[in-house]
Amino acid sequence: MAIEVGTKLEGKVTGITHFGAFVELSAGVTGLVHISEIADNYVKDVNDHLKLEDKVLVKVINVDKDGKIGLSIRQAVDKPPGEQRPERPERSFNRDRDDRGRNDRGGRPFKPAANRMTFEDKMSRFLKDSEERISSLKKNTEGKRGGRGARRV
């Protein structure tokens, strides 16, 4: 029997590692159930969910060219349509704000753009500051230049 992607098979856990569990399928073929495919909830330790020699139902996720078989326990379980994960609410950029202008996490009040400096204002301030700093550095270093010995008069 050829192993195809999407088929559900029963197997036996033959090895447990920190990254998953090896499951022996029919005809001695072994596949890996990655730790993320063991259960729907977070799995910290594989040993909490599986033991050696456990019989498990797995679904074949992928078969590589080199013969590696990827398996999933959580996808093998059929979920009723009502139990599917609810869709996440759509996030908006502009968070709801309370009457004080604070967002729902209690951050700083929102300030309208009218009080802010424009890019050109910031750039001119930066250029002015940098010119002043460079000129003061030049004044301080000009007298210290020279070759060997003391200054010539």
N, C-alpha and C. Protein backbone atom coordinates (compact mmCIF):
# COMPACT_ATOMS: atom_id res chain seq x y z
N MET A 1 0.85 -1.19 0.00
CA MET A 1 0.00 0.00 0.00
C MET A 1 0.89 1.25 0.00
N ALA A 2 0.73 2.09 -1.00
CA ALA A 2 1.51 3.32 -1.10
C ALA A 2 0.95 4.37 -0.15
N ILE A 3 1.84 5.11 0.45
CA ILE A 3 1.42 6.16 1.38
C ILE A 3 1.26 7.45 0.59
N GLU A 4 0.04 8.00 0.62
CA GLU A 4 -0.27 9.22 -0.13
C GLU A 4 -0.65 10.34 0.83
N VAL A 5 -0.40 11.55 0.40
CA VAL A 5 -0.73 12.73 1.20
C VAL A 5 -2.25 12.81 1.37
N GLY A 6 -2.68 13.04 2.60
CA GLY A 6 -4.10 13.19 2.90
C GLY A 6 -4.74 11.94 3.47
N THR A 7 -4.09 10.82 3.40
CA THR A 7 -4.67 9.58 3.94
C THR A 7 -4.50 9.52 5.45
N LYS A 8 -5.48 8.89 6.10
CA LYS A 8 -5.43 8.71 7.55
C LYS A 8 -5.09 7.26 7.82
N LEU A 9 -4.10 7.07 8.68
CA LEU A 9 -3.63 5.73 9.00
C LEU A 9 -3.47 5.58 10.50
N GLU A 10 -3.43 4.33 10.94
CA GLU A 10 -3.16 4.08 12.35
C GLU A 10 -1.72 3.62 12.47
N GLY A 11 -1.06 4.08 13.53
CA GLY A 11 0.32 3.72 13.72
C GLY A 11 0.66 3.58 15.19
N LYS A 12 1.92 3.22 15.45
CA LYS A 12 2.37 3.00 16.82
C LYS A 12 3.58 3.90 17.07
N VAL A 13 3.59 4.59 18.21
CA VAL A 13 4.69 5.47 18.57
C VAL A 13 5.91 4.62 18.89
N THR A 14 7.00 4.85 18.14
CA THR A 14 8.22 4.06 18.35
C THR A 14 9.35 4.88 18.96
N GLY A 15 9.25 6.19 18.90
CA GLY A 15 10.30 7.03 19.48
C GLY A 15 9.77 8.42 19.79
N ILE A 16 10.31 8.99 20.86
CA ILE A 16 9.90 10.34 21.27
C ILE A 16 11.16 11.20 21.42
N THR A 17 11.13 12.39 20.80
CA THR A 17 12.23 13.34 20.91
C THR A 17 11.69 14.67 21.40
N HIS A 18 12.57 15.64 21.58
CA HIS A 18 12.11 16.96 22.03
C HIS A 18 11.38 17.71 20.92
N PHE A 19 11.53 17.29 19.66
CA PHE A 19 10.89 17.99 18.54
C PHE A 19 9.70 17.24 17.96
N GLY A 20 9.37 16.07 18.50
CA GLY A 20 8.23 15.32 17.99
C GLY A 20 8.28 13.86 18.35
N ALA A 21 7.53 13.06 17.58
CA ALA A 21 7.46 11.62 17.85
C ALA A 21 7.50 10.87 16.53
N PHE A 22 8.18 9.73 16.55
CA PHE A 22 8.25 8.86 15.38
C PHE A 22 7.15 7.82 15.50
N VAL A 23 6.40 7.65 14.41
CA VAL A 23 5.28 6.73 14.39
C VAL A 23 5.52 5.71 13.28
N GLU A 24 5.42 4.42 13.65
CA GLU A 24 5.58 3.35 12.66
C GLU A 24 4.21 3.05 12.06
N LEU A 25 4.16 3.14 10.74
CA LEU A 25 2.93 2.87 10.01
C LEU A 25 2.98 1.42 9.51
N SER A 26 2.05 1.06 8.65
CA SER A 26 2.01 -0.29 8.12
C SER A 26 3.26 -0.58 7.29
N ALA A 27 3.64 -1.81 7.20
CA ALA A 27 4.78 -2.29 6.43
C ALA A 27 6.11 -1.75 6.95
N GLY A 28 6.18 -1.36 8.21
CA GLY A 28 7.44 -0.95 8.81
C GLY A 28 7.91 0.44 8.41
N VAL A 29 7.09 1.21 7.75
CA VAL A 29 7.46 2.57 7.34
C VAL A 29 7.27 3.50 8.54
N THR A 30 8.25 4.38 8.78
CA THR A 30 8.18 5.29 9.91
C THR A 30 8.08 6.73 9.43
N GLY A 31 7.24 7.52 10.12
CA GLY A 31 7.09 8.94 9.83
C GLY A 31 7.24 9.75 11.10
N LEU A 32 7.36 11.05 10.95
CA LEU A 32 7.54 11.95 12.08
C LEU A 32 6.32 12.82 12.28
N VAL A 33 5.85 12.88 13.52
CA VAL A 33 4.81 13.84 13.91
C VAL A 33 5.54 14.96 14.63
N HIS A 34 5.60 16.14 14.00
CA HIS A 34 6.29 17.27 14.61
C HIS A 34 5.52 17.72 15.84
N ILE A 35 6.22 18.33 16.79
CA ILE A 35 5.60 18.75 18.06
C ILE A 35 4.42 19.70 17.83
N SER A 36 4.49 20.49 16.76
CA SER A 36 3.39 21.43 16.46
C SER A 36 2.17 20.73 15.90
N GLU A 37 2.29 19.46 15.51
CA GLU A 37 1.17 18.72 14.93
C GLU A 37 0.61 17.67 15.88
N ILE A 38 0.99 17.73 17.15
CA ILE A 38 0.50 16.73 18.11
C ILE A 38 -0.87 17.10 18.65
N ALA A 39 -1.07 18.35 19.02
CA ALA A 39 -2.34 18.78 19.60
C ALA A 39 -2.66 20.19 19.14
N ASP A 40 -3.92 20.59 19.30
CA ASP A 40 -4.34 21.94 18.91
C ASP A 40 -3.80 23.00 19.86
N ASN A 41 -3.60 22.63 21.12
CA ASN A 41 -3.06 23.59 22.07
C ASN A 41 -1.54 23.49 22.11
N TYR A 42 -0.90 24.38 22.87
CA TYR A 42 0.57 24.43 22.95
C TYR A 42 1.10 23.17 23.62
N VAL A 43 2.11 22.54 23.01
CA VAL A 43 2.74 21.35 23.55
C VAL A 43 4.15 21.71 23.98
N LYS A 44 4.36 21.71 25.29
CA LYS A 44 5.70 22.03 25.80
C LYS A 44 6.57 20.78 25.79
N ASP A 45 6.01 19.65 26.19
CA ASP A 45 6.76 18.40 26.24
C ASP A 45 5.93 17.32 25.56
N VAL A 46 6.53 16.61 24.63
CA VAL A 46 5.84 15.56 23.88
C VAL A 46 5.40 14.45 24.81
N ASN A 47 6.18 14.19 25.85
CA ASN A 47 5.86 13.10 26.78
C ASN A 47 4.56 13.34 27.55
N ASP A 48 4.11 14.58 27.62
CA ASP A 48 2.83 14.86 28.28
C ASP A 48 1.65 14.37 27.46
N HIS A 49 1.85 14.18 26.16
CA HIS A 49 0.75 13.80 25.27
C HIS A 49 0.87 12.37 24.73
N LEU A 50 2.10 11.90 24.57
CA LEU A 50 2.30 10.58 23.96
C LEU A 50 3.26 9.75 24.79
N LYS A 51 3.09 8.44 24.72
CA LYS A 51 3.99 7.48 25.36
C LYS A 51 4.43 6.48 24.31
N LEU A 52 5.55 5.82 24.55
CA LEU A 52 6.01 4.77 23.64
C LEU A 52 4.96 3.67 23.56
N GLU A 53 4.83 3.08 22.39
CA GLU A 53 3.89 1.99 22.11
C GLU A 53 2.43 2.44 22.05
N ASP A 54 2.13 3.75 22.13
CA ASP A 54 0.75 4.24 21.99
C ASP A 54 0.29 4.03 20.56
N LYS A 55 -0.97 3.65 20.40
CA LYS A 55 -1.58 3.56 19.07
C LYS A 55 -2.24 4.91 18.79
N VAL A 56 -1.92 5.50 17.64
CA VAL A 56 -2.44 6.82 17.30
C VAL A 56 -2.96 6.82 15.87
N LEU A 57 -3.94 7.68 15.62
CA LEU A 57 -4.45 7.91 14.27
C LEU A 57 -3.74 9.14 13.73
N VAL A 58 -3.11 9.00 12.56
CA VAL A 58 -2.35 10.11 11.98
C VAL A 58 -2.80 10.36 10.56
N LYS A 59 -2.56 11.59 10.11
CA LYS A 59 -2.84 11.97 8.74
C LYS A 59 -1.51 12.29 8.07
N VAL A 60 -1.33 11.81 6.85
CA VAL A 60 -0.10 12.06 6.12
C VAL A 60 -0.15 13.48 5.56
N ILE A 61 0.79 14.33 5.99
CA ILE A 61 0.84 15.72 5.53
C ILE A 61 1.69 15.86 4.28
N ASN A 62 2.87 15.24 4.31
CA ASN A 62 3.76 15.33 3.15
C ASN A 62 4.66 14.11 3.06
N VAL A 63 5.12 13.83 1.86
CA VAL A 63 6.08 12.77 1.61
C VAL A 63 7.18 13.39 0.76
N ASP A 64 8.40 13.46 1.32
CA ASP A 64 9.54 14.06 0.61
C ASP A 64 10.10 13.09 -0.41
N LYS A 65 10.92 13.64 -1.31
CA LYS A 65 11.57 12.82 -2.33
C LYS A 65 12.50 11.78 -1.73
N ASP A 66 13.13 12.15 -0.60
CA ASP A 66 14.07 11.22 0.01
C ASP A 66 13.40 10.21 0.93
N GLY A 67 12.07 10.16 0.94
CA GLY A 67 11.34 9.15 1.70
C GLY A 67 10.86 9.56 3.06
N LYS A 68 11.14 10.79 3.49
CA LYS A 68 10.66 11.25 4.80
C LYS A 68 9.16 11.51 4.74
N ILE A 69 8.47 11.06 5.78
CA ILE A 69 7.02 11.19 5.82
C ILE A 69 6.64 12.11 6.98
N GLY A 70 5.90 13.17 6.69
CA GLY A 70 5.41 14.09 7.70
C GLY A 70 4.00 13.72 8.09
N LEU A 71 3.76 13.58 9.39
CA LEU A 71 2.46 13.15 9.89
C LEU A 71 1.87 14.18 10.83
N SER A 72 0.54 14.10 11.04
CA SER A 72 -0.14 15.00 11.96
C SER A 72 -1.20 14.24 12.73
N ILE A 73 -1.19 14.40 14.05
CA ILE A 73 -2.25 13.81 14.87
C ILE A 73 -3.43 14.76 14.96
N ARG A 74 -3.15 16.05 15.08
CA ARG A 74 -4.24 17.01 15.26
C ARG A 74 -5.09 17.17 14.02
N GLN A 75 -4.53 16.99 12.82
CA GLN A 75 -5.32 17.08 11.60
C GLN A 75 -6.09 15.80 11.32
N ALA A 76 -5.72 14.69 11.98
CA ALA A 76 -6.41 13.42 11.78
C ALA A 76 -7.75 13.39 12.49
N VAL A 77 -7.91 14.24 13.51
CA VAL A 77 -9.15 14.28 14.27
C VAL A 77 -10.16 15.15 13.53
N ASP A 78 -11.33 14.57 13.24
CA ASP A 78 -12.38 15.34 12.56
C ASP A 78 -13.09 16.21 13.57
N LYS A 79 -13.12 17.51 13.29
CA LYS A 79 -13.79 18.45 14.18
C LYS A 79 -15.19 18.74 13.65
N PRO A 80 -16.15 18.83 14.54
CA PRO A 80 -17.48 19.25 14.09
C PRO A 80 -17.43 20.68 13.57
N PRO A 81 -18.30 21.02 12.61
CA PRO A 81 -18.24 22.37 12.03
C PRO A 81 -18.41 23.49 13.04
N GLY A 82 -19.13 23.28 14.13
CA GLY A 82 -19.36 24.32 15.12
C GLY A 82 -18.16 24.60 15.99
N GLU A 83 -17.19 23.70 16.04
CA GLU A 83 -16.05 23.86 16.93
C GLU A 83 -14.82 24.46 16.26
N GLN A 84 -14.95 24.94 15.06
CA GLN A 84 -13.81 25.52 14.38
C GLN A 84 -13.43 26.83 15.05
N ARG A 85 -12.17 27.16 14.92
CA ARG A 85 -11.64 28.37 15.54
C ARG A 85 -12.37 29.60 15.00
N PRO A 86 -12.82 30.49 15.87
CA PRO A 86 -13.49 31.70 15.39
C PRO A 86 -12.51 32.61 14.66
N GLU A 87 -13.03 33.35 13.70
CA GLU A 87 -12.17 34.27 12.97
C GLU A 87 -11.74 35.41 13.88
N ARG A 88 -10.52 35.89 13.64
CA ARG A 88 -10.02 37.00 14.44
C ARG A 88 -10.70 38.28 14.00
N PRO A 89 -11.00 39.15 14.95
CA PRO A 89 -11.61 40.42 14.56
C PRO A 89 -10.62 41.26 13.77
N GLU A 90 -11.14 42.04 12.86
CA GLU A 90 -10.28 42.87 12.03
C GLU A 90 -9.71 44.00 12.87
N ARG A 91 -8.40 44.20 12.78
CA ARG A 91 -7.75 45.25 13.56
C ARG A 91 -7.75 46.54 12.76
N SER A 92 -8.04 47.60 13.43
CA SER A 92 -8.03 48.89 12.76
C SER A 92 -6.84 49.70 13.26
N PHE A 93 -6.35 50.59 12.40
CA PHE A 93 -5.19 51.41 12.77
C PHE A 93 -5.56 52.40 13.85
N ASN A 94 -6.71 53.03 13.73
CA ASN A 94 -7.13 54.04 14.69
C ASN A 94 -7.91 53.35 15.81
N ARG A 95 -7.29 53.18 16.93
CA ARG A 95 -7.92 52.50 18.06
C ARG A 95 -9.04 53.36 18.65
N ASP A 96 -10.01 52.70 19.27
CA ASP A 96 -11.06 53.44 19.95
C ASP A 96 -10.45 54.21 21.10
N ARG A 97 -10.87 55.44 21.25
CA ARG A 97 -10.30 56.28 22.30
C ARG A 97 -11.41 56.69 23.27
N ASP A 98 -11.00 56.85 24.51
CA ASP A 98 -11.99 57.26 25.51
C ASP A 98 -12.16 58.78 25.48
N ASP A 99 -12.92 59.32 26.43
CA ASP A 99 -13.23 60.74 26.42
C ASP A 99 -12.00 61.62 26.71
N ARG A 100 -10.92 61.07 27.26
CA ARG A 100 -9.71 61.84 27.52
C ARG A 100 -8.73 61.75 26.37
N GLY A 101 -9.09 61.05 25.31
CA GLY A 101 -8.20 60.94 24.16
C GLY A 101 -7.20 59.80 24.29
N ARG A 102 -7.36 58.96 25.29
CA ARG A 102 -6.43 57.85 25.49
C ARG A 102 -6.95 56.62 24.75
N ASN A 103 -6.02 55.78 24.32
CA ASN A 103 -6.47 54.57 23.66
C ASN A 103 -6.86 53.54 24.70
N ASP A 104 -7.34 52.39 24.25
CA ASP A 104 -7.88 51.39 25.16
C ASP A 104 -6.82 50.75 26.05
N ARG A 105 -5.54 51.02 25.78
CA ARG A 105 -4.49 50.48 26.64
C ARG A 105 -3.95 51.53 27.60
N GLY A 106 -4.54 52.69 27.66
CA GLY A 106 -4.14 53.70 28.63
C GLY A 106 -2.89 54.46 28.25
N GLY A 107 -2.60 54.57 26.98
CA GLY A 107 -1.39 55.27 26.53
C GLY A 107 -1.54 56.77 26.64
N ARG A 108 -0.60 57.48 26.03
CA ARG A 108 -0.64 58.94 26.04
C ARG A 108 -1.83 59.45 25.24
N PRO A 109 -2.32 60.63 25.61
CA PRO A 109 -3.41 61.21 24.83
C PRO A 109 -2.97 61.49 23.39
N PHE A 110 -3.89 61.40 22.50
CA PHE A 110 -3.63 61.62 21.08
C PHE A 110 -3.52 63.11 20.84
N LYS A 111 -2.46 63.54 20.14
CA LYS A 111 -2.28 64.95 19.81
C LYS A 111 -2.51 65.10 18.31
N PRO A 112 -3.32 66.06 17.94
CA PRO A 112 -3.55 66.27 16.51
C PRO A 112 -2.28 66.75 15.82
N ALA A 113 -2.22 66.58 14.52
CA ALA A 113 -1.04 66.90 13.74
C ALA A 113 -0.73 68.39 13.69
N ALA A 114 -1.66 69.25 14.06
CA ALA A 114 -1.45 70.70 13.99
C ALA A 114 -0.34 71.15 14.92
N ASN A 115 -0.14 70.48 16.04
CA ASN A 115 0.88 70.88 17.01
C ASN A 115 2.26 70.35 16.65
N ARG A 116 2.37 69.51 15.66
CA ARG A 116 3.63 68.87 15.33
C ARG A 116 4.40 69.69 14.31
N MET A 117 5.73 69.51 14.33
CA MET A 117 6.60 70.20 13.37
C MET A 117 6.57 69.46 12.04
N THR A 118 6.72 70.22 10.98
CA THR A 118 6.78 69.59 9.66
C THR A 118 8.19 69.06 9.44
N PHE A 119 8.33 68.26 8.42
CA PHE A 119 9.64 67.69 8.09
C PHE A 119 10.65 68.79 7.77
N GLU A 120 10.21 69.80 7.03
CA GLU A 120 11.11 70.90 6.65
C GLU A 120 11.60 71.65 7.88
N ASP A 121 10.71 71.87 8.87
CA ASP A 121 11.11 72.54 10.10
C ASP A 121 12.16 71.73 10.86
N LYS A 122 11.92 70.42 10.94
CA LYS A 122 12.87 69.56 11.63
C LYS A 122 14.21 69.56 10.92
N MET A 123 14.18 69.51 9.60
CA MET A 123 15.42 69.48 8.82
C MET A 123 16.20 70.77 8.99
N SER A 124 15.53 71.93 8.96
CA SER A 124 16.24 73.20 9.12
C SER A 124 16.84 73.30 10.52
N ARG A 125 16.13 72.85 11.54
CA ARG A 125 16.66 72.86 12.90
C ARG A 125 17.89 71.97 13.00
N PHE A 126 17.84 70.80 12.39
CA PHE A 126 18.97 69.88 12.40
C PHE A 126 20.19 70.50 11.72
N LEU A 127 20.00 71.12 10.55
CA LEU A 127 21.11 71.73 9.83
C LEU A 127 21.74 72.85 10.64
N LYS A 128 20.91 73.66 11.27
CA LYS A 128 21.42 74.77 12.08
C LYS A 128 22.26 74.24 13.24
N ASP A 129 21.75 73.23 13.96
CA ASP A 129 22.49 72.65 15.08
C ASP A 129 23.80 72.03 14.62
N SER A 130 23.76 71.30 13.52
CA SER A 130 24.98 70.64 13.06
C SER A 130 26.03 71.65 12.59
N GLU A 131 25.60 72.73 11.94
CA GLU A 131 26.55 73.77 11.52
C GLU A 131 27.23 74.41 12.72
N GLU A 132 26.46 74.68 13.78
CA GLU A 132 27.02 75.27 14.99
C GLU A 132 28.04 74.32 15.63
N ARG A 133 27.74 73.07 15.69
CA ARG A 133 28.65 72.10 16.29
C ARG A 133 29.94 71.96 15.49
N ILE A 134 29.81 71.91 14.18
CA ILE A 134 31.00 71.78 13.33
C ILE A 134 31.89 73.01 13.45
N SER A 135 31.29 74.20 13.47
CA SER A 135 32.11 75.42 13.57
C SER A 135 32.84 75.47 14.91
N SER A 136 32.19 75.07 16.00
CA SER A 136 32.87 75.08 17.30
C SER A 136 33.98 74.03 17.34
N LEU A 137 33.80 72.91 16.71
CA LEU A 137 34.86 71.90 16.65
C LEU A 137 36.06 72.40 15.85
N LYS A 138 35.77 73.09 14.74
CA LYS A 138 36.86 73.62 13.91
C LYS A 138 37.67 74.64 14.67
N LYS A 139 36.99 75.53 15.43
CA LYS A 139 37.69 76.55 16.21
C LYS A 139 38.62 75.92 17.24
N ASN A 140 38.15 74.85 17.88
CA ASN A 140 38.94 74.20 18.93
C ASN A 140 40.10 73.39 18.38
N THR A 141 40.00 72.90 17.18
CA THR A 141 41.06 72.03 16.66
C THR A 141 42.06 72.76 15.78
N GLU A 142 41.74 73.95 15.25
CA GLU A 142 42.65 74.66 14.35
C GLU A 142 43.95 75.02 15.04
N GLY A 143 43.90 75.48 16.28
CA GLY A 143 45.10 75.88 17.01
C GLY A 143 45.96 74.70 17.41
N LYS A 144 45.42 73.53 17.42
CA LYS A 144 46.16 72.35 17.87
C LYS A 144 46.89 71.66 16.73
N ARG A 145 46.67 72.10 15.53
CA ARG A 145 47.34 71.47 14.40
C ARG A 145 48.78 71.95 14.30
N GLY A 146 49.57 71.21 13.66
CA GLY A 146 50.94 71.61 13.46
C GLY A 146 51.83 70.40 13.43
N GLY A 147 53.06 70.65 13.08
CA GLY A 147 53.99 69.54 13.00
C GLY A 147 54.61 69.26 14.36
N ARG A 148 55.91 69.05 14.33
CA ARG A 148 56.61 68.75 15.57
C ARG A 148 56.83 70.02 16.38
N GLY A 149 57.00 69.76 17.60
CA GLY A 149 57.38 70.87 18.49
C GLY A 149 56.28 71.90 18.71
N ALA A 150 56.72 73.10 19.11
CA ALA A 150 55.78 74.12 19.48
C ALA A 150 55.32 74.92 18.27
N ARG A 151 54.44 75.84 18.54
CA ARG A 151 53.90 76.69 17.51
C ARG A 151 54.93 77.70 17.01
N ARG A 152 54.84 78.01 15.75
CA ARG A 152 55.75 79.04 15.21
C ARG A 152 55.07 80.38 15.28
N VAL A 153 55.86 81.36 15.55
CA VAL A 153 55.30 82.70 15.68
C VAL A 153 55.56 83.55 14.49
